[in-house]
Amino acid sequence: MAILQFLSPIFYIGVAALFYHLSFRSTANEIWALTPNLRKVEIFALPVVFGALILVTRKAGYYVVIAGSIYLIVRGVMEYVASNETDPVFPIIITNLVCAGVVAALLRPGTRSVYFNPRLRWWETSPRYVVNFPASITRVGAKAMKATLQNIAAGGAGIETMEMGFLKEEIAVLEFQHEGAVFHLKAKVVWEKAIGGGKQFLGLQWADENSNAEWSAIRKLIRDLKAKHTPTTRAIPPRLTDVKEWFAKIAG
């Protein structure tokens, strides 16, 4: 989809060149000289912007691309009608088909989920290393509670504890040791799940309040775990296999 958007200006000029029986360069110069500025933005700039937003795969970009593609379709028809049907219709048809194809693809549940579920974006998901370290978690104004650090990643951790009633986005302090180093990290509670036996499993995200030294310690720990081939919660497949799986999810 992104590639089609990037190529949309080239398609437009190429089809117009065939219609006018001119070279690609001459047609591009004619379009640039005679086209109003707004239309230049619509033909040359917006498709590139939409292509970039498709690649970024963010929720806001998803809505912008859909709304923008519909806008370009409507504007293409309006420009053709305003020209008293003297402008070549095929360049507009081609670019409108690209926009319509992008909208149709983005509306598919398999494609849409990639923009709304970060876990499907394989390039953003860091491995979670299984460690099972003894730990403690301390809520604001409370005593430290025993916990087990089940897994850890560059962006957060998963712990098991007897403490209950955590609030979403509540900040707590997680403390544990590894090879003589003491880690004292602020973390945000993202989710909580009862796992039986009066125990809770907490999904934590490292809080922005951690110091540069603490962030550096986390990165070093992750590098050490990776170097030691520590098991992960999800097997890390070869990059090509991972890409194939991701496209399979999009295809539904």
Protein backbone atom coordinates (compact mmCIF):
# COMPACT_ATOMS: atom_id res chain seq x y z
CA MET A 1 0.00 0.00 0.00
CA ALA A 2 2.76 2.42 0.91
CA ILE A 3 4.66 1.65 -2.30
CA LEU A 4 1.55 2.28 -4.39
CA GLN A 5 1.09 5.64 -2.68
CA PHE A 6 4.74 6.55 -3.25
CA LEU A 7 4.37 5.63 -6.93
CA SER A 8 1.03 7.39 -7.38
CA PRO A 9 2.56 10.66 -8.73
CA ILE A 10 4.63 8.62 -11.20
CA PHE A 11 1.52 6.73 -12.33
CA TYR A 12 -0.30 10.03 -12.82
CA ILE A 13 2.45 11.57 -14.95
CA GLY A 14 3.10 8.34 -16.86
CA VAL A 15 -0.52 7.85 -17.90
CA ALA A 16 -0.85 11.53 -18.82
CA ALA A 17 2.31 11.22 -20.94
CA LEU A 18 0.76 8.34 -22.86
CA PHE A 19 -2.41 10.37 -23.41
CA TYR A 20 -0.56 13.45 -24.69
CA HIS A 21 2.08 11.44 -26.59
CA LEU A 22 4.85 13.32 -24.79
CA SER A 23 7.92 12.23 -22.87
CA PHE A 24 7.62 11.64 -19.15
CA ARG A 25 9.80 14.66 -18.40
CA SER A 26 7.89 17.00 -20.74
CA THR A 27 4.58 15.90 -19.24
CA ALA A 28 5.88 16.44 -15.71
CA ASN A 29 7.04 19.95 -16.64
CA GLU A 30 3.66 20.76 -18.23
CA ILE A 31 1.72 19.52 -15.22
CA TRP A 32 3.96 21.45 -12.85
CA ALA A 33 3.66 24.67 -14.88
CA LEU A 34 -0.10 24.58 -15.49
CA THR A 35 -1.51 22.93 -12.37
CA PRO A 36 -2.78 25.09 -9.44
CA ASN A 37 -0.74 24.86 -6.26
CA LEU A 38 -3.41 22.97 -4.31
CA ARG A 39 -3.64 20.36 -7.03
CA LYS A 40 0.17 20.02 -7.05
CA VAL A 41 0.04 19.20 -3.34
CA GLU A 42 -2.71 16.64 -3.98
CA ILE A 43 -0.85 14.97 -6.84
CA PHE A 44 2.74 15.06 -5.63
CA ALA A 45 2.87 15.59 -1.87
CA LEU A 46 -0.12 13.94 -0.20
CA PRO A 47 0.46 10.45 -1.64
CA VAL A 48 4.02 10.51 -0.28
CA VAL A 49 2.77 11.65 3.14
CA PHE A 50 0.11 8.92 3.16
CA GLY A 51 2.68 6.32 2.15
CA ALA A 52 4.88 7.32 5.07
CA LEU A 53 1.93 7.17 7.48
CA ILE A 54 1.07 3.68 6.25
CA LEU A 55 4.60 2.53 7.06
CA VAL A 56 4.58 4.15 10.51
CA THR A 57 1.49 2.05 11.43
CA ARG A 58 -0.02 4.26 14.10
CA LYS A 59 -3.68 4.68 15.00
CA ALA A 60 -3.76 8.41 14.17
CA GLY A 61 -2.06 7.80 10.83
CA TYR A 62 -4.64 5.11 10.02
CA TYR A 63 -7.48 7.62 10.22
CA VAL A 64 -5.52 10.30 8.36
CA VAL A 65 -4.74 7.94 5.45
CA ILE A 66 -8.36 6.79 5.11
CA ALA A 67 -9.78 10.32 5.29
CA GLY A 68 -7.05 11.68 3.01
CA SER A 69 -7.52 8.95 0.41
CA ILE A 70 -11.26 9.62 0.27
CA TYR A 71 -10.48 13.33 -0.06
CA LEU A 72 -8.16 12.66 -3.03
CA ILE A 73 -10.80 10.53 -4.74
CA VAL A 74 -13.41 13.28 -4.39
CA ARG A 75 -10.97 15.99 -5.48
CA GLY A 76 -9.96 13.99 -8.54
CA VAL A 77 -13.57 13.72 -9.68
CA MET A 78 -14.19 17.41 -8.95
CA GLU A 79 -11.15 18.48 -10.98
CA TYR A 80 -12.22 16.35 -13.93
CA VAL A 81 -15.75 17.81 -13.87
CA ALA A 82 -14.39 21.37 -13.49
CA SER A 83 -12.26 20.91 -16.62
CA ASN A 84 -15.45 20.27 -18.63
CA GLU A 85 -14.12 16.76 -19.16
CA THR A 86 -11.24 18.04 -21.28
CA ASP A 87 -8.50 16.74 -18.98
CA PRO A 88 -7.39 13.14 -19.52
CA VAL A 89 -9.48 10.90 -17.30
CA PHE A 90 -7.12 7.92 -17.07
CA PRO A 91 -4.54 9.55 -14.73
CA ILE A 92 -7.37 10.38 -12.35
CA ILE A 93 -8.80 6.87 -12.64
CA ILE A 94 -5.42 5.29 -11.86
CA THR A 95 -4.72 7.45 -8.80
CA ASN A 96 -8.30 7.05 -7.58
CA LEU A 97 -7.99 3.27 -7.90
CA VAL A 98 -4.81 3.43 -5.80
CA CYS A 99 -6.62 5.44 -3.12
CA ALA A 100 -9.66 3.15 -3.23
CA GLY A 101 -7.42 0.09 -2.92
CA VAL A 102 -5.64 1.60 0.08
CA VAL A 103 -8.95 2.36 1.82
CA ALA A 104 -10.28 -1.14 1.11
CA ALA A 105 -7.09 -2.75 2.41
CA LEU A 106 -6.99 -0.64 5.58
CA LEU A 107 -10.61 -1.45 6.38
CA ARG A 108 -9.88 -5.19 6.41
CA PRO A 109 -9.81 -6.47 10.02
CA GLY A 110 -6.45 -8.18 9.50
CA THR A 111 -4.80 -4.98 8.29
CA ARG A 112 -6.60 -2.70 10.71
CA SER A 113 -5.46 -4.74 13.73
CA VAL A 114 -1.80 -3.99 12.97
CA TYR A 115 -2.46 -0.28 13.53
CA PHE A 116 -4.40 -0.83 16.77
CA ASN A 117 -2.51 -3.74 18.35
CA PRO A 118 1.20 -3.02 19.00
CA ARG A 119 1.86 -6.72 19.64
CA LEU A 120 1.36 -7.42 15.94
CA ARG A 121 4.13 -5.00 15.00
CA TRP A 122 7.04 -7.43 15.24
CA TRP A 123 9.69 -4.71 14.80
CA GLU A 124 8.45 -2.91 17.94
CA THR A 125 8.13 -5.97 20.20
CA SER A 126 11.26 -6.62 22.26
CA PRO A 127 11.86 -10.17 23.56
CA ARG A 128 10.72 -10.94 27.10
CA TYR A 129 13.38 -13.01 28.86
CA VAL A 130 12.25 -15.62 31.38
CA VAL A 131 14.26 -15.04 34.57
CA ASN A 132 12.26 -16.00 37.71
CA PHE A 133 14.27 -13.69 39.99
CA PRO A 134 13.22 -13.15 43.63
CA ALA A 135 11.95 -9.58 43.86
CA SER A 136 9.83 -7.15 45.82
CA ILE A 137 7.29 -4.56 44.79
CA THR A 138 6.47 -1.47 46.81
CA ARG A 139 3.39 0.67 46.36
CA VAL A 140 3.44 4.35 47.30
CA GLY A 141 3.13 4.68 51.06
CA ALA A 142 3.14 0.91 51.65
CA LYS A 143 5.60 -1.77 52.71
CA ALA A 144 7.54 -3.88 50.24
CA MET A 145 5.77 -7.09 49.21
CA LYS A 146 7.53 -10.23 48.08
CA ALA A 147 7.26 -10.99 44.38
CA THR A 148 8.81 -13.11 41.66
CA LEU A 149 10.14 -11.40 38.56
CA GLN A 150 8.93 -13.89 35.94
CA ASN A 151 10.10 -12.13 32.79
CA ILE A 152 11.76 -8.88 31.78
CA ALA A 153 12.10 -6.86 28.58
CA ALA A 154 13.47 -3.51 27.47
CA GLY A 155 10.05 -1.96 27.98
CA GLY A 156 8.79 -3.64 31.12
CA ALA A 157 8.39 -6.82 33.13
CA GLY A 158 5.95 -9.46 34.32
CA ILE A 159 5.82 -10.29 38.02
CA GLU A 160 3.94 -12.66 40.31
CA THR A 161 2.83 -11.36 43.73
CA MET A 162 0.29 -11.89 46.51
CA GLU A 163 -0.54 -8.17 46.57
CA MET A 164 -3.95 -7.35 45.08
CA GLY A 165 -5.99 -4.34 44.03
CA PHE A 166 -3.47 -2.52 41.86
CA LEU A 167 -4.86 0.36 39.84
CA LYS A 168 -4.19 0.70 36.14
CA GLU A 169 -1.18 2.99 35.55
CA GLU A 170 -0.37 2.95 39.26
CA ILE A 171 3.34 3.57 39.85
CA ALA A 172 5.18 1.07 42.05
CA VAL A 173 8.84 0.30 42.70
CA LEU A 174 10.25 -3.06 41.64
CA GLU A 175 13.46 -4.24 43.29
CA PHE A 176 15.57 -7.30 42.44
CA GLN A 177 19.18 -8.41 42.15
CA HIS A 178 21.20 -9.99 39.38
CA GLU A 179 24.84 -11.03 39.65
CA GLY A 180 25.44 -8.68 42.57
CA ALA A 181 23.77 -5.67 40.96
CA VAL A 182 20.73 -4.22 42.72
CA PHE A 183 17.92 -2.91 40.51
CA HIS A 184 15.50 -0.36 41.95
CA LEU A 185 13.08 0.56 39.16
CA LYS A 186 9.86 2.54 38.97
CA ALA A 187 7.20 0.80 36.90
CA LYS A 188 3.64 1.45 35.80
CA VAL A 189 1.00 -1.26 36.24
CA VAL A 190 -0.46 -1.92 32.78
CA TRP A 191 -2.63 -4.92 33.59
CA GLU A 192 -3.37 -7.36 36.41
CA LYS A 193 -4.60 -10.96 36.25
CA ALA A 194 -5.50 -13.47 38.97
CA ILE A 195 -3.57 -16.73 38.46
CA GLY A 196 -4.96 -18.77 41.36
CA GLY A 197 -3.77 -19.54 44.85
CA GLY A 198 -4.34 -15.93 45.86
CA LYS A 199 -1.62 -14.81 43.47
CA GLN A 200 -1.71 -12.01 40.92
CA PHE A 201 0.30 -11.58 37.74
CA LEU A 202 1.16 -7.97 36.92
CA GLY A 203 2.22 -6.59 33.58
CA LEU A 204 4.56 -3.67 34.21
CA GLN A 205 5.90 -0.92 31.97
CA TRP A 206 9.03 0.96 32.99
CA ALA A 207 8.09 4.47 34.12
CA ASP A 208 9.58 7.61 32.60
CA GLU A 209 10.65 8.69 36.08
CA ASN A 210 13.59 6.26 36.10
CA SER A 211 16.99 7.97 36.00
CA ASN A 212 19.44 7.69 33.11
CA ALA A 213 21.56 5.34 35.22
CA GLU A 214 18.56 3.07 35.81
CA TRP A 215 17.70 3.01 32.10
CA SER A 216 21.31 2.18 31.33
CA ALA A 217 21.21 -0.67 33.86
CA ILE A 218 18.08 -2.10 32.22
CA ARG A 219 19.68 -2.00 28.77
CA LYS A 220 22.84 -3.68 30.08
CA LEU A 221 20.80 -6.42 31.77
CA ILE A 222 18.87 -7.09 28.56
CA ARG A 223 22.12 -7.31 26.59
CA ASP A 224 23.55 -9.76 29.15
CA LEU A 225 20.44 -11.94 29.02
CA LYS A 226 20.54 -11.96 25.24
CA ALA A 227 24.25 -12.86 25.20
CA LYS A 228 23.56 -15.79 27.53
CA HIS A 229 20.76 -17.05 25.26
CA THR A 230 18.24 -16.76 28.08
CA PRO A 231 14.89 -18.35 27.10
CA THR A 232 12.12 -15.97 26.06
CA THR A 233 8.36 -16.09 26.49
CA ARG A 234 8.07 -16.33 22.72
CA ALA A 235 10.66 -18.00 20.55
CA ILE A 236 12.60 -15.49 18.45
CA PRO A 237 12.30 -16.79 14.88
CA PRO A 238 14.65 -15.87 12.03
CA ARG A 239 13.79 -12.41 10.70
CA LEU A 240 12.50 -13.76 7.35
CA THR A 241 10.17 -16.19 9.15
CA ASP A 242 8.98 -13.39 11.41
CA VAL A 243 8.16 -11.17 8.42
CA LYS A 244 6.23 -14.01 6.74
CA GLU A 245 4.19 -14.58 9.91
CA TRP A 246 3.41 -10.87 10.14
CA PHE A 247 2.15 -10.70 6.55
CA ALA A 248 0.11 -13.86 7.18
CA LYS A 249 -1.63 -12.09 10.08
CA ILE A 250 -2.44 -9.13 7.84
CA ALA A 251 -3.80 -11.44 5.14
CA GLY A 252 -6.14 -12.90 7.76
